Amino acid sequence: MPAPAQARSARKSIDCRRYPSEKGCTLKISGTEEEVLDAASAHAIAAHGHADTPELRNELRALLTSEPE
């Protein structure tokens, strides 16, 4: 039985296709805000060569979009 809407965490996503890069990355990540930030920062570091900084997480947080329920 699914949890009531109030108990569920809002799903967020980030989509590399919206932010063109030399690699032409097409990865889309969705989940809870913290899950997406963790995965997106690891991806940005490993695949795109970004430095692991608090600023990176802040930039990624600003790029999150809400997923439909």
N, C-alpha and C. Protein backbone atom coordinates (compact mmCIF):
# COMPACT_ATOMS: atom_id res chain seq x y z
N MET A 1 0.84 -1.18 0.00
CA MET A 1 0.00 0.00 0.00
C MET A 1 0.88 1.24 0.00
N PRO A 2 0.71 2.17 -0.95
CA PRO A 2 1.55 3.36 -1.02
C PRO A 2 1.33 4.28 0.17
N ALA A 3 2.37 5.01 0.53
CA ALA A 3 2.28 5.97 1.63
C ALA A 3 1.41 7.15 1.22
N PRO A 4 0.76 7.79 2.19
CA PRO A 4 -0.02 8.98 1.86
C PRO A 4 0.87 10.04 1.22
N ALA A 5 0.28 10.89 0.40
CA ALA A 5 1.04 11.91 -0.33
C ALA A 5 1.88 12.78 0.60
N GLN A 6 1.36 13.09 1.78
CA GLN A 6 2.10 13.95 2.70
C GLN A 6 3.37 13.26 3.21
N ALA A 7 3.34 11.94 3.30
CA ALA A 7 4.47 11.20 3.86
C ALA A 7 5.56 10.94 2.82
N ARG A 8 5.20 11.02 1.55
CA ARG A 8 6.19 10.76 0.50
C ARG A 8 7.08 11.98 0.30
N SER A 9 8.34 11.75 0.00
CA SER A 9 9.23 12.85 -0.34
C SER A 9 8.96 13.26 -1.77
N ALA A 10 8.98 14.55 -2.00
CA ALA A 10 8.79 15.05 -3.36
C ALA A 10 9.95 14.59 -4.22
N ARG A 11 9.64 14.08 -5.41
CA ARG A 11 10.70 13.64 -6.32
C ARG A 11 11.27 14.85 -7.05
N LYS A 12 12.57 14.86 -7.18
CA LYS A 12 13.29 15.89 -7.91
C LYS A 12 14.08 15.22 -9.01
N SER A 13 14.49 16.01 -10.00
CA SER A 13 15.34 15.46 -11.05
C SER A 13 16.30 16.52 -11.55
N ILE A 14 17.32 16.03 -12.22
CA ILE A 14 18.27 16.89 -12.92
C ILE A 14 18.61 16.15 -14.22
N ASP A 15 18.69 16.89 -15.30
CA ASP A 15 18.84 16.29 -16.63
C ASP A 15 20.01 16.96 -17.35
N CYS A 16 21.05 16.19 -17.64
CA CYS A 16 22.23 16.74 -18.32
C CYS A 16 21.90 17.30 -19.71
N ARG A 17 20.84 16.80 -20.33
CA ARG A 17 20.48 17.29 -21.67
C ARG A 17 20.12 18.76 -21.65
N ARG A 18 19.68 19.27 -20.51
CA ARG A 18 19.31 20.69 -20.40
C ARG A 18 20.53 21.58 -20.27
N TYR A 19 21.70 21.00 -20.03
CA TYR A 19 22.92 21.75 -19.81
C TYR A 19 24.01 21.20 -20.73
N PRO A 20 24.03 21.67 -21.96
CA PRO A 20 24.94 21.11 -22.97
C PRO A 20 26.40 21.07 -22.51
N SER A 21 27.05 20.00 -22.88
CA SER A 21 28.47 19.84 -22.58
C SER A 21 29.16 19.29 -23.82
N GLU A 22 30.47 19.28 -23.78
CA GLU A 22 31.24 18.74 -24.89
C GLU A 22 30.93 17.26 -25.10
N LYS A 23 30.56 16.56 -24.04
CA LYS A 23 30.27 15.13 -24.13
C LYS A 23 28.90 14.83 -24.70
N GLY A 24 28.00 15.82 -24.73
CA GLY A 24 26.64 15.56 -25.18
C GLY A 24 25.92 14.59 -24.25
N CYS A 25 26.15 14.73 -22.97
CA CYS A 25 25.61 13.81 -21.97
C CYS A 25 24.08 13.83 -21.98
N THR A 26 23.47 12.65 -21.82
CA THR A 26 22.01 12.52 -21.83
C THR A 26 21.47 11.95 -20.52
N LEU A 27 22.28 11.90 -19.47
CA LEU A 27 21.86 11.30 -18.21
C LEU A 27 20.80 12.15 -17.52
N LYS A 28 19.76 11.48 -17.01
CA LYS A 28 18.75 12.12 -16.17
C LYS A 28 18.68 11.33 -14.87
N ILE A 29 18.71 12.05 -13.75
CA ILE A 29 18.70 11.44 -12.43
C ILE A 29 17.45 11.93 -11.71
N SER A 30 16.71 11.01 -11.07
CA SER A 30 15.56 11.44 -10.30
C SER A 30 15.48 10.65 -9.00
N GLY A 31 14.87 11.26 -8.00
CA GLY A 31 14.70 10.66 -6.68
C GLY A 31 14.44 11.75 -5.68
N THR A 32 14.74 11.49 -4.42
CA THR A 32 14.60 12.54 -3.42
C THR A 32 15.69 13.59 -3.67
N GLU A 33 15.51 14.77 -3.12
CA GLU A 33 16.49 15.83 -3.35
C GLU A 33 17.90 15.38 -2.97
N GLU A 34 18.06 14.77 -1.81
CA GLU A 34 19.40 14.35 -1.38
C GLU A 34 19.96 13.24 -2.25
N GLU A 35 19.12 12.29 -2.67
CA GLU A 35 19.59 11.24 -3.58
C GLU A 35 20.09 11.82 -4.89
N VAL A 36 19.32 12.75 -5.43
CA VAL A 36 19.70 13.36 -6.70
C VAL A 36 20.98 14.18 -6.54
N LEU A 37 21.08 14.95 -5.47
CA LEU A 37 22.30 15.74 -5.27
C LEU A 37 23.52 14.86 -5.11
N ASP A 38 23.40 13.77 -4.37
CA ASP A 38 24.53 12.85 -4.19
C ASP A 38 24.96 12.25 -5.53
N ALA A 39 23.98 11.74 -6.29
CA ALA A 39 24.30 11.10 -7.57
C ALA A 39 24.77 12.11 -8.61
N ALA A 40 24.14 13.28 -8.64
CA ALA A 40 24.51 14.30 -9.63
C ALA A 40 25.90 14.85 -9.35
N SER A 41 26.25 15.04 -8.09
CA SER A 41 27.59 15.55 -7.79
C SER A 41 28.64 14.49 -8.14
N ALA A 42 28.38 13.23 -7.83
CA ALA A 42 29.33 12.17 -8.21
C ALA A 42 29.48 12.11 -9.72
N HIS A 43 28.37 12.24 -10.45
CA HIS A 43 28.42 12.23 -11.91
C HIS A 43 29.18 13.44 -12.45
N ALA A 44 28.91 14.62 -11.90
CA ALA A 44 29.59 15.84 -12.36
C ALA A 44 31.10 15.75 -12.16
N ILE A 45 31.50 15.13 -11.08
CA ILE A 45 32.93 14.98 -10.78
C ILE A 45 33.56 13.94 -11.70
N ALA A 46 32.95 12.76 -11.77
CA ALA A 46 33.52 11.65 -12.54
C ALA A 46 33.44 11.85 -14.05
N ALA A 47 32.30 12.32 -14.54
CA ALA A 47 32.09 12.38 -15.98
C ALA A 47 32.43 13.73 -16.60
N HIS A 48 32.31 14.79 -15.81
CA HIS A 48 32.49 16.12 -16.38
C HIS A 48 33.68 16.87 -15.82
N GLY A 49 34.41 16.26 -14.87
CA GLY A 49 35.64 16.85 -14.36
C GLY A 49 35.48 18.01 -13.41
N HIS A 50 34.29 18.17 -12.81
CA HIS A 50 34.10 19.25 -11.85
C HIS A 50 34.81 18.93 -10.55
N ALA A 51 35.18 19.97 -9.81
CA ALA A 51 35.81 19.79 -8.50
C ALA A 51 34.72 19.49 -7.46
N ASP A 52 35.07 18.68 -6.48
CA ASP A 52 34.16 18.31 -5.39
C ASP A 52 34.16 19.42 -4.35
N THR A 53 33.26 20.38 -4.52
CA THR A 53 33.19 21.53 -3.62
C THR A 53 31.76 21.77 -3.15
N PRO A 54 31.60 22.48 -2.06
CA PRO A 54 30.24 22.85 -1.63
C PRO A 54 29.53 23.70 -2.69
N GLU A 55 30.28 24.48 -3.43
CA GLU A 55 29.70 25.31 -4.48
C GLU A 55 29.06 24.45 -5.57
N LEU A 56 29.69 23.32 -5.89
CA LEU A 56 29.13 22.42 -6.90
C LEU A 56 27.75 21.94 -6.45
N ARG A 57 27.63 21.51 -5.20
CA ARG A 57 26.34 21.03 -4.69
C ARG A 57 25.30 22.15 -4.72
N ASN A 58 25.70 23.37 -4.39
CA ASN A 58 24.78 24.50 -4.43
C ASN A 58 24.31 24.78 -5.86
N GLU A 59 25.23 24.70 -6.81
CA GLU A 59 24.87 24.91 -8.22
C GLU A 59 23.91 23.82 -8.68
N LEU A 60 24.20 22.58 -8.31
CA LEU A 60 23.31 21.47 -8.70
C LEU A 60 21.94 21.62 -8.05
N ARG A 61 21.90 22.03 -6.79
CA ARG A 61 20.62 22.20 -6.10
C ARG A 61 19.76 23.23 -6.84
N ALA A 62 20.38 24.27 -7.37
CA ALA A 62 19.64 25.31 -8.10
C ALA A 62 19.08 24.78 -9.43
N LEU A 63 19.65 23.69 -9.96
CA LEU A 63 19.21 23.13 -11.24
C LEU A 63 18.14 22.05 -11.10
N LEU A 64 17.80 21.66 -9.88
CA LEU A 64 16.80 20.62 -9.66
C LEU A 64 15.42 21.08 -10.12
N THR A 65 14.68 20.14 -10.67
CA THR A 65 13.29 20.41 -11.03
C THR A 65 12.40 19.39 -10.33
N SER A 66 11.16 19.76 -10.10
CA SER A 66 10.21 18.86 -9.45
C SER A 66 9.66 17.87 -10.46
N GLU A 67 9.52 16.62 -10.03
CA GLU A 67 8.95 15.58 -10.85
C GLU A 67 7.46 15.48 -10.54
N PRO A 68 6.65 15.15 -11.52
CA PRO A 68 5.22 14.95 -11.24
C PRO A 68 5.03 13.76 -10.31
N GLU A 69 4.04 13.82 -9.50
CA GLU A 69 3.73 12.74 -8.53
C GLU A 69 3.23 11.53 -9.23
